[in-house]
Amino acid sequence: MASHDQVERFKQAARELGTDDDPEHFKQVVRRIAKAKSSADEGRGGKTAKRDGS
């Protein structure tokens, strides 16, 4: 279960993004962030760096 502090941090981040009051705006922001993330991944060929375990 999430701690009270973690919930408060999430709420603060939502306020900073301007998404805490409107569920549809929240969805739009999440889509924009997800799209930006996937575009950045495509720039690397869509692959993540391999770790050698050390």
C-alpha atoms as a PDB file:
ATOM      1  CA  MET A   1       0.000   0.000   0.000  1.00  0.00           C
ATOM      2  CA  ALA A   2       1.218   3.505  -0.783  1.00  0.00           C
ATOM      3  CA  SER A   3       2.429   5.604   2.090  1.00  0.00           C
ATOM      4  CA  HIS A   4       0.767   8.914   2.909  1.00  0.00           C
ATOM      5  CA  ASP A   5       3.961  10.730   1.862  1.00  0.00           C
ATOM      6  CA  GLN A   6       3.965   8.979  -1.515  1.00  0.00           C
ATOM      7  CA  VAL A   7       0.310   9.885  -2.102  1.00  0.00           C
ATOM      8  CA  GLU A   8       1.032  13.516  -1.267  1.00  0.00           C
ATOM      9  CA  ARG A   9       3.997  13.592  -3.665  1.00  0.00           C
ATOM     10  CA  PHE A  10       1.784  12.175  -6.425  1.00  0.00           C
ATOM     11  CA  LYS A  11      -0.881  14.808  -5.748  1.00  0.00           C
ATOM     12  CA  GLN A  12       1.734  17.573  -5.825  1.00  0.00           C
ATOM     13  CA  ALA A  13       3.131  16.330  -9.134  1.00  0.00           C
ATOM     14  CA  ALA A  14      -0.412  16.256 -10.559  1.00  0.00           C
ATOM     15  CA  ARG A  15      -0.980  19.835  -9.436  1.00  0.00           C
ATOM     16  CA  GLU A  16       2.282  20.954 -11.039  1.00  0.00           C
ATOM     17  CA  LEU A  17       1.222  19.338 -14.320  1.00  0.00           C
ATOM     18  CA  GLY A  18      -2.199  20.940 -14.026  1.00  0.00           C
ATOM     19  CA  THR A  19      -3.974  17.584 -14.141  1.00  0.00           C
ATOM     20  CA  ASP A  20      -5.440  17.242 -10.660  1.00  0.00           C
ATOM     21  CA  ASP A  21      -8.929  18.603 -11.427  1.00  0.00           C
ATOM     22  CA  ASP A  22      -9.832  17.340 -14.893  1.00  0.00           C
ATOM     23  CA  PRO A  23      -9.640  13.595 -15.667  1.00  0.00           C
ATOM     24  CA  GLU A  24      -9.633  14.216 -19.429  1.00  0.00           C
ATOM     25  CA  HIS A  25      -6.744  16.677 -19.162  1.00  0.00           C
ATOM     26  CA  PHE A  26      -4.874  14.096 -17.061  1.00  0.00           C
ATOM     27  CA  LYS A  27      -5.287  11.534 -19.865  1.00  0.00           C
ATOM     28  CA  GLN A  28      -4.009  14.044 -22.429  1.00  0.00           C
ATOM     29  CA  VAL A  29      -0.922  14.821 -20.360  1.00  0.00           C
ATOM     30  CA  VAL A  30      -0.183  11.132 -19.793  1.00  0.00           C
ATOM     31  CA  ARG A  31      -0.532  10.447 -23.531  1.00  0.00           C
ATOM     32  CA  ARG A  32       1.812  13.341 -24.325  1.00  0.00           C
ATOM     33  CA  ILE A  33       4.401  12.090 -21.842  1.00  0.00           C
ATOM     34  CA  ALA A  34       4.106   8.504 -23.089  1.00  0.00           C
ATOM     35  CA  LYS A  35       4.432   9.640 -26.697  1.00  0.00           C
ATOM     36  CA  ALA A  36       7.522  11.714 -25.884  1.00  0.00           C
ATOM     37  CA  LYS A  37       9.054   8.725 -24.085  1.00  0.00           C
ATOM     38  CA  SER A  38       8.417   6.366 -27.001  1.00  0.00           C
ATOM     39  CA  SER A  39       9.816   8.899 -29.471  1.00  0.00           C
ATOM     40  CA  ALA A  40      13.002   9.153 -27.424  1.00  0.00           C
ATOM     41  CA  ASP A  41      13.287   5.359 -27.410  1.00  0.00           C
ATOM     42  CA  GLU A  42      12.944   5.262 -31.201  1.00  0.00           C
ATOM     43  CA  GLY A  43      15.959   7.544 -31.452  1.00  0.00           C
ATOM     44  CA  ARG A  44      17.983   4.734 -29.869  1.00  0.00           C
ATOM     45  CA  GLY A  45      16.547   2.118 -32.169  1.00  0.00           C
ATOM     46  CA  GLY A  46      13.882   1.227 -29.616  1.00  0.00           C
ATOM     47  CA  LYS A  47      16.340  -0.757 -27.558  1.00  0.00           C
ATOM     48  CA  THR A  48      17.413  -0.332 -23.971  1.00  0.00           C
ATOM     49  CA  ALA A  49      20.995  -0.501 -22.836  1.00  0.00           C
ATOM     50  CA  LYS A  50      22.163  -3.925 -21.734  1.00  0.00           C
ATOM     51  CA  ARG A  51      23.712  -4.271 -18.316  1.00  0.00           C
ATOM     52  CA  ASP A  52      26.518  -6.684 -17.666  1.00  0.00           C
ATOM     53  CA  GLY A  53      25.422  -7.391 -14.100  1.00  0.00           C
ATOM     54  CA  SER A  54      28.472  -5.862 -12.438  1.00  0.00           C
END
